[in-house]
Amino acid sequence: MAVGENVSTVTEFLLLGFPVPFLLFLGIYLLALAGYLGLVLLTGMDSHLQSPVLFLLGNLSFVAISDASSVAPKMLWNFFREQKTTAFVRCSSVSLLHWDGRG
């Protein structure tokens, strides 16, 4: 190791973003969840909506619910925290999900 080499490690990221009010962000998140959940339930319950395309849309809606539910609750929690950070592992795992083609 060379003298003066930086050997620090990253353990967390500082979350910076747009100053969106909490209730607006919560409303958008709940509206998205309701829409995705409605599509999953509608394609699963109605026998007329059992085509392969709608089956695919139902599965994609389920994936969208899981993606939104992995990011949005942490962002909502950070509205109330003084130190707005997230762990490196959490940030990298969410990024990996988006980089593998789903995002």
PDB file of N, CA and C in Angstrom:
ATOM      1  N   MET A   1       0.856  -1.173   0.000  1.00  0.00           N
ATOM      2  CA  MET A   1       0.000   0.000   0.000  1.00  0.00           C
ATOM      3  C   MET A   1       0.901   1.234   0.000  1.00  0.00           C
ATOM      4  N   ALA A   2       0.599   2.168  -0.864  1.00  0.00           N
ATOM      5  CA  ALA A   2       1.394   3.377  -0.981  1.00  0.00           C
ATOM      6  C   ALA A   2       1.038   4.355   0.132  1.00  0.00           C
ATOM      7  N   VAL A   3       2.006   5.165   0.489  1.00  0.00           N
ATOM      8  CA  VAL A   3       1.784   6.183   1.515  1.00  0.00           C
ATOM      9  C   VAL A   3       0.836   7.236   0.950  1.00  0.00           C
ATOM     10  N   GLY A   4      -0.161   7.596   1.727  1.00  0.00           N
ATOM     11  CA  GLY A   4      -1.127   8.608   1.320  1.00  0.00           C
ATOM     12  C   GLY A   4      -2.269   8.068   0.482  1.00  0.00           C
ATOM     13  N   GLU A   5      -2.360   6.745   0.326  1.00  0.00           N
ATOM     14  CA  GLU A   5      -3.451   6.155  -0.452  1.00  0.00           C
ATOM     15  C   GLU A   5      -4.736   6.176   0.361  1.00  0.00           C
ATOM     16  N   ASN A   6      -5.834   6.468  -0.279  1.00  0.00           N
ATOM     17  CA  ASN A   6      -7.134   6.531   0.381  1.00  0.00           C
ATOM     18  C   ASN A   6      -7.637   5.111   0.608  1.00  0.00           C
ATOM     19  N   VAL A   7      -7.841   4.740   1.865  1.00  0.00           N
ATOM     20  CA  VAL A   7      -8.322   3.404   2.201  1.00  0.00           C
ATOM     21  C   VAL A   7      -9.684   3.455   2.898  1.00  0.00           C
ATOM     22  N   SER A   8     -10.415   4.543   2.716  1.00  0.00           N
ATOM     23  CA  SER A   8     -11.726   4.659   3.362  1.00  0.00           C
ATOM     24  C   SER A   8     -12.745   3.802   2.625  1.00  0.00           C
ATOM     25  N   THR A   9     -13.783   3.383   3.349  1.00  0.00           N
ATOM     26  CA  THR A   9     -14.851   2.597   2.749  1.00  0.00           C
ATOM     27  C   THR A   9     -16.164   3.347   2.884  1.00  0.00           C
ATOM     28  N   VAL A  10     -17.046   3.108   1.933  1.00  0.00           N
ATOM     29  CA  VAL A  10     -18.367   3.743   1.934  1.00  0.00           C
ATOM     30  C   VAL A  10     -19.330   2.815   2.649  1.00  0.00           C
ATOM     31  N   THR A  11     -19.992   3.319   3.692  1.00  0.00           N
ATOM     32  CA  THR A  11     -20.976   2.504   4.406  1.00  0.00           C
ATOM     33  C   THR A  11     -22.386   3.046   4.274  1.00  0.00           C
ATOM     34  N   GLU A  12     -22.528   4.310   3.883  1.00  0.00           N
ATOM     35  CA  GLU A  12     -23.858   4.878   3.710  1.00  0.00           C
ATOM     36  C   GLU A  12     -23.802   6.028   2.719  1.00  0.00           C
ATOM     37  N   PHE A  13     -24.967   6.340   2.144  1.00  0.00           N
ATOM     38  CA  PHE A  13     -25.111   7.435   1.209  1.00  0.00           C
ATOM     39  C   PHE A  13     -26.023   8.483   1.806  1.00  0.00           C
ATOM     40  N   LEU A  14     -25.752   9.729   1.497  1.00  0.00           N
ATOM     41  CA  LEU A  14     -26.613  10.827   1.896  1.00  0.00           C
ATOM     42  C   LEU A  14     -27.694  10.984   0.836  1.00  0.00           C
ATOM     43  N   LEU A  15     -28.955  10.964   1.253  1.00  0.00           N
ATOM     44  CA  LEU A  15     -30.081  11.065   0.317  1.00  0.00           C
ATOM     45  C   LEU A  15     -30.471  12.527   0.144  1.00  0.00           C
ATOM     46  N   LEU A  16     -30.266  13.027  -1.040  1.00  0.00           N
ATOM     47  CA  LEU A  16     -30.658  14.384  -1.379  1.00  0.00           C
ATOM     48  C   LEU A  16     -31.688  14.302  -2.488  1.00  0.00           C
ATOM     49  N   GLY A  17     -32.577  15.241  -2.566  1.00  0.00           N
ATOM     50  CA  GLY A  17     -33.593  15.169  -3.606  1.00  0.00           C
ATOM     51  C   GLY A  17     -34.435  16.419  -3.645  1.00  0.00           C
ATOM     52  N   PHE A  18     -35.545  16.303  -4.323  1.00  0.00           N
ATOM     53  CA  PHE A  18     -36.465  17.418  -4.452  1.00  0.00           C
ATOM     54  C   PHE A  18     -37.231  17.598  -3.144  1.00  0.00           C
ATOM     55  N   PRO A  19     -37.519  18.829  -2.772  1.00  0.00           N
ATOM     56  CA  PRO A  19     -38.279  19.064  -1.540  1.00  0.00           C
ATOM     57  C   PRO A  19     -39.770  18.808  -1.745  1.00  0.00           C
ATOM     58  N   VAL A  20     -40.139  17.537  -1.915  1.00  0.00           N
ATOM     59  CA  VAL A  20     -41.536  17.157  -2.123  1.00  0.00           C
ATOM     60  C   VAL A  20     -42.204  17.003  -0.760  1.00  0.00           C
ATOM     61  N   PRO A  21     -43.377  17.597  -0.564  1.00  0.00           N
ATOM     62  CA  PRO A  21     -44.074  17.432   0.719  1.00  0.00           C
ATOM     63  C   PRO A  21     -44.423  15.965   0.984  1.00  0.00           C
ATOM     64  N   PHE A  22     -44.400  15.601   2.249  1.00  0.00           N
ATOM     65  CA  PHE A  22     -44.622  14.226   2.664  1.00  0.00           C
ATOM     66  C   PHE A  22     -45.962  13.697   2.182  1.00  0.00           C
ATOM     67  N   LEU A  23     -47.025  14.444   2.371  1.00  0.00           N
ATOM     68  CA  LEU A  23     -48.360  13.957   2.007  1.00  0.00           C
ATOM     69  C   LEU A  23     -48.516  13.770   0.498  1.00  0.00           C
ATOM     70  N   LEU A  24     -47.870  14.608  -0.294  1.00  0.00           N
ATOM     71  CA  LEU A  24     -47.921  14.447  -1.742  1.00  0.00           C
ATOM     72  C   LEU A  24     -47.217  13.158  -2.153  1.00  0.00           C
ATOM     73  N   PHE A  25     -46.041  12.915  -1.603  1.00  0.00           N
ATOM     74  CA  PHE A  25     -45.302  11.700  -1.935  1.00  0.00           C
ATOM     75  C   PHE A  25     -46.049  10.459  -1.457  1.00  0.00           C
ATOM     76  N   LEU A  26     -46.620  10.525  -0.257  1.00  0.00           N
ATOM     77  CA  LEU A  26     -47.403   9.405   0.266  1.00  0.00           C
ATOM     78  C   LEU A  26     -48.624   9.135  -0.617  1.00  0.00           C
ATOM     79  N   GLY A  27     -49.293  10.188  -1.064  1.00  0.00           N
ATOM     80  CA  GLY A  27     -50.454  10.033  -1.924  1.00  0.00           C
ATOM     81  C   GLY A  27     -50.100   9.386  -3.258  1.00  0.00           C
ATOM     82  N   ILE A  28     -49.002   9.810  -3.862  1.00  0.00           N
ATOM     83  CA  ILE A  28     -48.570   9.222  -5.131  1.00  0.00           C
ATOM     84  C   ILE A  28     -48.204   7.757  -4.934  1.00  0.00           C
ATOM     85  N   TYR A  29     -47.509   7.453  -3.852  1.00  0.00           N
ATOM     86  CA  TYR A  29     -47.118   6.071  -3.556  1.00  0.00           C
ATOM     87  C   TYR A  29     -48.354   5.183  -3.356  1.00  0.00           C
ATOM     88  N   LEU A  30     -49.317   5.642  -2.569  1.00  0.00           N
ATOM     89  CA  LEU A  30     -50.524   4.845  -2.320  1.00  0.00           C
ATOM     90  C   LEU A  30     -51.371   4.696  -3.581  1.00  0.00           C
ATOM     91  N   LEU A  31     -51.427   5.731  -4.399  1.00  0.00           N
ATOM     92  CA  LEU A  31     -52.165   5.651  -5.658  1.00  0.00           C
ATOM     93  C   LEU A  31     -51.526   4.630  -6.602  1.00  0.00           C
ATOM     94  N   ALA A  32     -50.209   4.622  -6.676  1.00  0.00           N
ATOM     95  CA  ALA A  32     -49.509   3.643  -7.519  1.00  0.00           C
ATOM     96  C   ALA A  32     -49.740   2.227  -7.001  1.00  0.00           C
ATOM     97  N   LEU A  33     -49.638   2.046  -5.680  1.00  0.00           N
ATOM     98  CA  LEU A  33     -49.877   0.713  -5.116  1.00  0.00           C
ATOM     99  C   LEU A  33     -51.307   0.243  -5.375  1.00  0.00           C
ATOM    100  N   ALA A  34     -52.268   1.138  -5.234  1.00  0.00           N
ATOM    101  CA  ALA A  34     -53.664   0.764  -5.475  1.00  0.00           C
ATOM    102  C   ALA A  34     -53.893   0.383  -6.933  1.00  0.00           C
ATOM    103  N   GLY A  35     -53.296   1.119  -7.840  1.00  0.00           N
ATOM    104  CA  GLY A  35     -53.446   0.801  -9.257  1.00  0.00           C
ATOM    105  C   GLY A  35     -52.821  -0.534  -9.617  1.00  0.00           C
ATOM    106  N   TYR A  36     -51.600  -0.768  -9.152  1.00  0.00           N
ATOM    107  CA  TYR A  36     -50.938  -2.043  -9.434  1.00  0.00           C
ATOM    108  C   TYR A  36     -51.670  -3.210  -8.788  1.00  0.00           C
ATOM    109  N   LEU A  37     -52.082  -3.031  -7.550  1.00  0.00           N
ATOM    110  CA  LEU A  37     -52.803  -4.097  -6.855  1.00  0.00           C
ATOM    111  C   LEU A  37     -54.152  -4.366  -7.522  1.00  0.00           C
ATOM    112  N   GLY A  38     -54.824  -3.313  -7.970  1.00  0.00           N
ATOM    113  CA  GLY A  38     -56.077  -3.487  -8.689  1.00  0.00           C
ATOM    114  C   GLY A  38     -55.911  -4.286  -9.966  1.00  0.00           C
ATOM    115  N   LEU A  39     -54.834  -4.023 -10.687  1.00  0.00           N
ATOM    116  CA  LEU A  39     -54.579  -4.770 -11.913  1.00  0.00           C
ATOM    117  C   LEU A  39     -54.261  -6.232 -11.623  1.00  0.00           C
ATOM    118  N   VAL A  40     -53.490  -6.482 -10.567  1.00  0.00           N
ATOM    119  CA  VAL A  40     -53.180  -7.870 -10.188  1.00  0.00           C
ATOM    120  C   VAL A  40     -54.461  -8.604  -9.799  1.00  0.00           C
ATOM    121  N   LEU A  41     -55.298  -7.983  -8.982  1.00  0.00           N
ATOM    122  CA  LEU A  41     -56.534  -8.632  -8.548  1.00  0.00           C
ATOM    123  C   LEU A  41     -57.518  -8.809  -9.698  1.00  0.00           C
ATOM    124  N   LEU A  42     -57.626  -7.803 -10.554  1.00  0.00           N
ATOM    125  CA  LEU A  42     -58.564  -7.873 -11.662  1.00  0.00           C
ATOM    126  C   LEU A  42     -58.193  -8.976 -12.642  1.00  0.00           C
ATOM    127  N   THR A  43     -56.926  -9.082 -12.999  1.00  0.00           N
ATOM    128  CA  THR A  43     -56.517 -10.127 -13.942  1.00  0.00           C
ATOM    129  C   THR A  43     -56.535 -11.501 -13.299  1.00  0.00           C
ATOM    130  N   GLY A  44     -56.434 -11.583 -11.987  1.00  0.00           N
ATOM    131  CA  GLY A  44     -56.459 -12.881 -11.319  1.00  0.00           C
ATOM    132  C   GLY A  44     -57.857 -13.397 -11.031  1.00  0.00           C
ATOM    133  N   MET A  45     -58.823 -12.511 -10.856  1.00  0.00           N
ATOM    134  CA  MET A  45     -60.154 -12.928 -10.439  1.00  0.00           C
ATOM    135  C   MET A  45     -61.145 -13.083 -11.597  1.00  0.00           C
ATOM    136  N   ASP A  46     -61.027 -12.262 -12.615  1.00  0.00           N
ATOM    137  CA  ASP A  46     -62.006 -12.302 -13.706  1.00  0.00           C
ATOM    138  C   ASP A  46     -61.582 -13.338 -14.742  1.00  0.00           C
ATOM    139  N   SER A  47     -62.456 -14.300 -15.022  1.00  0.00           N
ATOM    140  CA  SER A  47     -62.122 -15.379 -15.952  1.00  0.00           C
ATOM    141  C   SER A  47     -62.018 -14.882 -17.396  1.00  0.00           C
ATOM    142  N   HIS A  48     -62.631 -13.751 -17.719  1.00  0.00           N
ATOM    143  CA  HIS A  48     -62.535 -13.196 -19.065  1.00  0.00           C
ATOM    144  C   HIS A  48     -61.190 -12.524 -19.308  1.00  0.00           C
ATOM    145  N   LEU A  49     -60.456 -12.277 -18.244  1.00  0.00           N
ATOM    146  CA  LEU A  49     -59.160 -11.596 -18.365  1.00  0.00           C
ATOM    147  C   LEU A  49     -58.006 -12.561 -18.137  1.00  0.00           C
ATOM    148  N   GLN A  50     -58.096 -13.735 -18.712  1.00  0.00           N
ATOM    149  CA  GLN A  50     -57.061 -14.748 -18.519  1.00  0.00           C
ATOM    150  C   GLN A  50     -56.194 -14.941 -19.765  1.00  0.00           C
ATOM    151  N   SER A  51     -56.079 -13.940 -20.603  1.00  0.00           N
ATOM    152  CA  SER A  51     -55.239 -14.060 -21.792  1.00  0.00           C
ATOM    153  C   SER A  51     -53.763 -13.952 -21.384  1.00  0.00           C
ATOM    154  N   PRO A  52     -52.867 -14.448 -22.215  1.00  0.00           N
ATOM    155  CA  PRO A  52     -51.438 -14.387 -21.871  1.00  0.00           C
ATOM    156  C   PRO A  52     -50.908 -12.966 -21.689  1.00  0.00           C
ATOM    157  N   VAL A  53     -51.424 -12.034 -22.478  1.00  0.00           N
ATOM    158  CA  VAL A  53     -50.953 -10.651 -22.358  1.00  0.00           C
ATOM    159  C   VAL A  53     -51.348 -10.071 -21.001  1.00  0.00           C
ATOM    160  N   LEU A  54     -52.567 -10.304 -20.581  1.00  0.00           N
ATOM    161  CA  LEU A  54     -53.014  -9.783 -19.293  1.00  0.00           C
ATOM    162  C   LEU A  54     -52.360 -10.525 -18.132  1.00  0.00           C
ATOM    163  N   PHE A  55     -52.036 -11.788 -18.326  1.00  0.00           N
ATOM    164  CA  PHE A  55     -51.274 -12.530 -17.324  1.00  0.00           C
ATOM    165  C   PHE A  55     -49.899 -11.882 -17.146  1.00  0.00           C
ATOM    166  N   LEU A  56     -49.270 -11.519 -18.272  1.00  0.00           N
ATOM    167  CA  LEU A  56     -47.985 -10.834 -18.218  1.00  0.00           C
ATOM    168  C   LEU A  56     -48.115  -9.477 -17.522  1.00  0.00           C
ATOM    169  N   LEU A  57     -49.160  -8.726 -17.836  1.00  0.00           N
ATOM    170  CA  LEU A  57     -49.362  -7.423 -17.186  1.00  0.00           C
ATOM    171  C   LEU A  57     -49.578  -7.566 -15.680  1.00  0.00           C
ATOM    172  N   GLY A  58     -50.296  -8.611 -15.280  1.00  0.00           N
ATOM    173  CA  GLY A  58     -50.481  -8.853 -13.850  1.00  0.00           C
ATOM    174  C   GLY A  58     -49.167  -9.158 -13.160  1.00  0.00           C
ATOM    175  N   ASN A  59     -48.325  -9.956 -13.809  1.00  0.00           N
ATOM    176  CA  ASN A  59     -47.021 -10.267 -13.223  1.00  0.00           C
ATOM    177  C   ASN A  59     -46.111  -9.042 -13.184  1.00  0.00           C
ATOM    178  N   LEU A  60     -46.149  -8.232 -14.238  1.00  0.00           N
ATOM    179  CA  LEU A  60     -45.351  -7.006 -14.240  1.00  0.00           C
ATOM    180  C   LEU A  60     -45.834  -6.024 -13.172  1.00  0.00           C
ATOM    181  N   SER A  61     -47.131  -5.997 -12.936  1.00  0.00           N
ATOM    182  CA  SER A  61     -47.659  -5.139 -11.871  1.00  0.00           C
ATOM    183  C   SER A  61     -47.175  -5.606 -10.509  1.00  0.00           C
ATOM    184  N   PHE A  62     -47.099  -6.919 -10.323  1.00  0.00           N
ATOM    185  CA  PHE A  62     -46.569  -7.449  -9.071  1.00  0.00           C
ATOM    186  C   PHE A  62     -45.103  -7.053  -8.879  1.00  0.00           C
ATOM    187  N   VAL A  63     -44.326  -7.103  -9.941  1.00  0.00           N
ATOM    188  CA  VAL A  63     -42.923  -6.686  -9.876  1.00  0.00           C
ATOM    189  C   VAL A  63     -42.833  -5.192  -9.564  1.00  0.00           C
ATOM    190  N   ALA A  64     -43.713  -4.393 -10.156  1.00  0.00           N
ATOM    191  CA  ALA A  64     -43.718  -2.952  -9.892  1.00  0.00           C
ATOM    192  C   ALA A  64     -44.082  -2.663  -8.440  1.00  0.00           C
ATOM    193  N   ILE A  65     -44.991  -3.450  -7.864  1.00  0.00           N
ATOM    194  CA  ILE A  65     -45.336  -3.289  -6.447  1.00  0.00           C
ATOM    195  C   ILE A  65     -44.112  -3.569  -5.582  1.00  0.00           C
ATOM    196  N   SER A  66     -43.392  -4.634  -5.896  1.00  0.00           N
ATOM    197  CA  SER A  66     -42.224  -4.968  -5.075  1.00  0.00           C
ATOM    198  C   SER A  66     -41.120  -3.925  -5.231  1.00  0.00           C
ATOM    199  N   ASP A  67     -40.936  -3.391  -6.439  1.00  0.00           N
ATOM    200  CA  ASP A  67     -39.935  -2.337  -6.624  1.00  0.00           C
ATOM    201  C   ASP A  67     -40.304  -1.073  -5.853  1.00  0.00           C
ATOM    202  N   ALA A  68     -41.558  -0.652  -5.981  1.00  0.00           N
ATOM    203  CA  ALA A  68     -41.991   0.562  -5.286  1.00  0.00           C
ATOM    204  C   ALA A  68     -41.942   0.384  -3.776  1.00  0.00           C
ATOM    205  N   SER A  69     -42.249  -0.812  -3.308  1.00  0.00           N
ATOM    206  CA  SER A  69     -42.256  -1.055  -1.864  1.00  0.00           C
ATOM    207  C   SER A  69     -40.864  -1.247  -1.287  1.00  0.00           C
ATOM    208  N   SER A  70     -39.863  -1.370  -2.134  1.00  0.00           N
ATOM    209  CA  SER A  70     -38.504  -1.464  -1.597  1.00  0.00           C
ATOM    210  C   SER A  70     -37.857  -0.093  -1.457  1.00  0.00           C
ATOM    211  N   VAL A  71     -38.346   0.899  -2.177  1.00  0.00           N
ATOM    212  CA  VAL A  71     -37.722   2.226  -2.167  1.00  0.00           C
ATOM    213  C   VAL A  71     -38.558   3.258  -1.401  1.00  0.00           C
ATOM    214  N   ALA A  72     -39.834   3.324  -1.686  1.00  0.00           N
ATOM    215  CA  ALA A  72     -40.678   4.396  -1.159  1.00  0.00           C
ATOM    216  C   ALA A  72     -40.783   4.430   0.366  1.00  0.00           C
ATOM    217  N   PRO A  73     -40.932   3.305   1.072  1.00  0.00           N
ATOM    218  CA  PRO A  73     -41.024   3.405   2.530  1.00  0.00           C
ATOM    219  C   PRO A  73     -39.776   4.033   3.178  1.00  0.00           C
ATOM    220  N   LYS A  74     -38.599   3.728   2.638  1.00  0.00           N
ATOM    221  CA  LYS A  74     -37.372   4.340   3.171  1.00  0.00           C
ATOM    222  C   LYS A  74     -37.370   5.844   2.914  1.00  0.00           C
ATOM    223  N   MET A  75     -37.843   6.249   1.739  1.00  0.00           N
ATOM    224  CA  MET A  75     -37.910   7.676   1.445  1.00  0.00           C
ATOM    225  C   MET A  75     -38.923   8.379   2.348  1.00  0.00           C
ATOM    226  N   LEU A  76     -40.060   7.720   2.590  1.00  0.00           N
ATOM    227  CA  LEU A  76     -41.055   8.309   3.490  1.00  0.00           C
ATOM    228  C   LEU A  76     -40.517   8.415   4.914  1.00  0.00           C
ATOM    229  N   TRP A  77     -39.763   7.412   5.342  1.00  0.00           N
ATOM    230  CA  TRP A  77     -39.182   7.427   6.684  1.00  0.00           C
ATOM    231  C   TRP A  77     -38.180   8.571   6.820  1.00  0.00           C
ATOM    232  N   ASN A  78     -37.439   8.859   5.757  1.00  0.00           N
ATOM    233  CA  ASN A  78     -36.419   9.895   5.805  1.00  0.00           C
ATOM    234  C   ASN A  78     -37.004  11.303   5.887  1.00  0.00           C
ATOM    235  N   PHE A  79     -38.300  11.463   5.626  1.00  0.00           N
ATOM    236  CA  PHE A  79     -38.919  12.765   5.822  1.00  0.00           C
ATOM    237  C   PHE A  79     -38.855  13.180   7.292  1.00  0.00           C
ATOM    238  N   PHE A  80     -38.848  12.199   8.215  1.00  0.00           N
ATOM    239  CA  PHE A  80     -38.900  12.491   9.640  1.00  0.00           C
ATOM    240  C   PHE A  80     -37.545  12.400  10.330  1.00  0.00           C
ATOM    241  N   ARG A  81     -36.517  11.983   9.636  1.00  0.00           N
ATOM    242  CA  ARG A  81     -35.198  11.825  10.235  1.00  0.00           C
ATOM    243  C   ARG A  81     -34.360  13.061   9.996  1.00  0.00           C
ATOM    244  N   GLU A  82     -33.511  13.368  10.940  1.00  0.00           N
ATOM    245  CA  GLU A  82     -32.594  14.496  10.791  1.00  0.00           C
ATOM    246  C   GLU A  82     -31.480  14.141   9.805  1.00  0.00           C
ATOM    247  N   GLN A  83     -30.927  12.939   9.957  1.00  0.00           N
ATOM    248  CA  GLN A  83     -29.855  12.486   9.076  1.00  0.00           C
ATOM    249  C   GLN A  83     -30.459  11.599   7.990  1.00  0.00           C
ATOM    250  N   LYS A  84     -30.523  12.117   6.777  1.00  0.00           N
ATOM    251  CA  LYS A  84     -31.175  11.409   5.676  1.00  0.00           C
ATOM    252  C   LYS A  84     -30.152  10.561   4.922  1.00  0.00           C
ATOM    253  N   THR A  85     -29.924   9.336   5.424  1.00  0.00           N
ATOM    254  CA  THR A  85     -28.944   8.447   4.810  1.00  0.00           C
ATOM    255  C   THR A  85     -29.558   7.080   4.561  1.00  0.00           C
ATOM    256  N   THR A  86     -28.900   6.303   3.734  1.00  0.00           N
ATOM    257  CA  THR A  86     -29.270   4.916   3.512  1.00  0.00           C
ATOM    258  C   THR A  86     -27.996   4.094   3.445  1.00  0.00           C
ATOM    259  N   ALA A  87     -28.091   2.837   3.829  1.00  0.00           N
ATOM    260  CA  ALA A  87     -26.918   1.973   3.859  1.00  0.00           C
ATOM    261  C   ALA A  87     -26.447   1.654   2.447  1.00  0.00           C
ATOM    262  N   PHE A  88     -25.155   1.454   2.315  1.00  0.00           N
ATOM    263  CA  PHE A  88     -24.562   1.129   1.024  1.00  0.00           C
ATOM    264  C   PHE A  88     -25.146  -0.162   0.458  1.00  0.00           C
ATOM    265  N   VAL A  89     -25.328  -1.165   1.307  1.00  0.00           N
ATOM    266  CA  VAL A  89     -25.862  -2.455   0.847  1.00  0.00           C
ATOM    267  C   VAL A  89     -27.272  -2.288   0.303  1.00  0.00           C
ATOM    268  N   ARG A  90     -28.093  -1.493   0.989  1.00  0.00           N
ATOM    269  CA  ARG A  90     -29.467  -1.267   0.526  1.00  0.00           C
ATOM    270  C   ARG A  90     -29.472  -0.535  -0.815  1.00  0.00           C
ATOM    271  N   CYS A  91     -28.646   0.468  -0.934  1.00  0.00           N
ATOM    272  CA  CYS A  91     -28.584   1.239  -2.171  1.00  0.00           C
ATOM    273  C   CYS A  91     -28.083   0.379  -3.323  1.00  0.00           C
ATOM    274  N   SER A  92     -27.076  -0.421  -3.078  1.00  0.00           N
ATOM    275  CA  SER A  92     -26.531  -1.252  -4.158  1.00  0.00           C
ATOM    276  C   SER A  92     -27.492  -2.374  -4.543  1.00  0.00           C
ATOM    277  N   SER A  93     -28.230  -2.931  -3.594  1.00  0.00           N
ATOM    278  CA  SER A  93     -29.169  -4.004  -3.950  1.00  0.00           C
ATOM    279  C   SER A  93     -30.334  -3.463  -4.770  1.00  0.00           C
ATOM    280  N   VAL A  94     -30.843  -2.288  -4.437  1.00  0.00           N
ATOM    281  CA  VAL A  94     -31.921  -1.692  -5.223  1.00  0.00           C
ATOM    282  C   VAL A  94     -31.402  -1.313  -6.604  1.00  0.00           C
ATOM    283  N   SER A  95     -30.184  -0.790  -6.672  1.00  0.00           N
ATOM    284  CA  SER A  95     -29.599  -0.442  -7.959  1.00  0.00           C
ATOM    285  C   SER A  95     -29.411  -1.679  -8.829  1.00  0.00           C
ATOM    286  N   LEU A  96     -28.998  -2.782  -8.228  1.00  0.00           N
ATOM    287  CA  LEU A  96     -28.816  -4.024  -8.971  1.00  0.00           C
ATOM    288  C   LEU A  96     -30.136  -4.506  -9.563  1.00  0.00           C
ATOM    289  N   LEU A  97     -31.220  -4.380  -8.811  1.00  0.00           N
ATOM    290  CA  LEU A  97     -32.525  -4.784  -9.340  1.00  0.00           C
ATOM    291  C   LEU A  97     -32.910  -3.950 -10.557  1.00  0.00           C
ATOM    292  N   HIS A  98     -32.557  -2.671 -10.537  1.00  0.00           N
ATOM    293  CA  HIS A  98     -32.895  -1.813 -11.658  1.00  0.00           C
ATOM    294  C   HIS A  98     -31.951  -2.001 -12.831  1.00  0.00           C
ATOM    295  N   TRP A  99     -30.709  -2.363 -12.579  1.00  0.00           N
ATOM    296  CA  TRP A  99     -29.744  -2.534 -13.656  1.00  0.00           C
ATOM    297  C   TRP A  99     -29.867  -3.882 -14.349  1.00  0.00           C
ATOM    298  N   ASP A 100     -30.535  -4.839 -13.740  1.00  0.00           N
ATOM    299  CA  ASP A 100     -30.642  -6.148 -14.390  1.00  0.00           C
ATOM    300  C   ASP A 100     -31.779  -6.196 -15.417  1.00  0.00           C
ATOM    301  N   GLY A 101     -32.379  -5.057 -15.709  1.00  0.00           N
ATOM    302  CA  GLY A 101     -33.375  -5.018 -16.759  1.00  0.00           C
ATOM    303  C   GLY A 101     -34.798  -4.813 -16.295  1.00  0.00           C
ATOM    304  N   ARG A 102     -35.054  -4.863 -14.976  1.00  0.00           N
ATOM    305  CA  ARG A 102     -36.431  -4.694 -14.510  1.00  0.00           C
ATOM    306  C   ARG A 102     -36.816  -3.248 -14.359  1.00  0.00           C
ATOM    307  N   GLY A 103     -35.859  -2.361 -14.103  1.00  0.00           N
ATOM    308  CA  GLY A 103     -36.159  -0.971 -13.765  1.00  0.00           C
ATOM    309  C   GLY A 103     -36.409  -0.075 -14.914  1.00  0.00           C
TER     310      GLY A 103
END
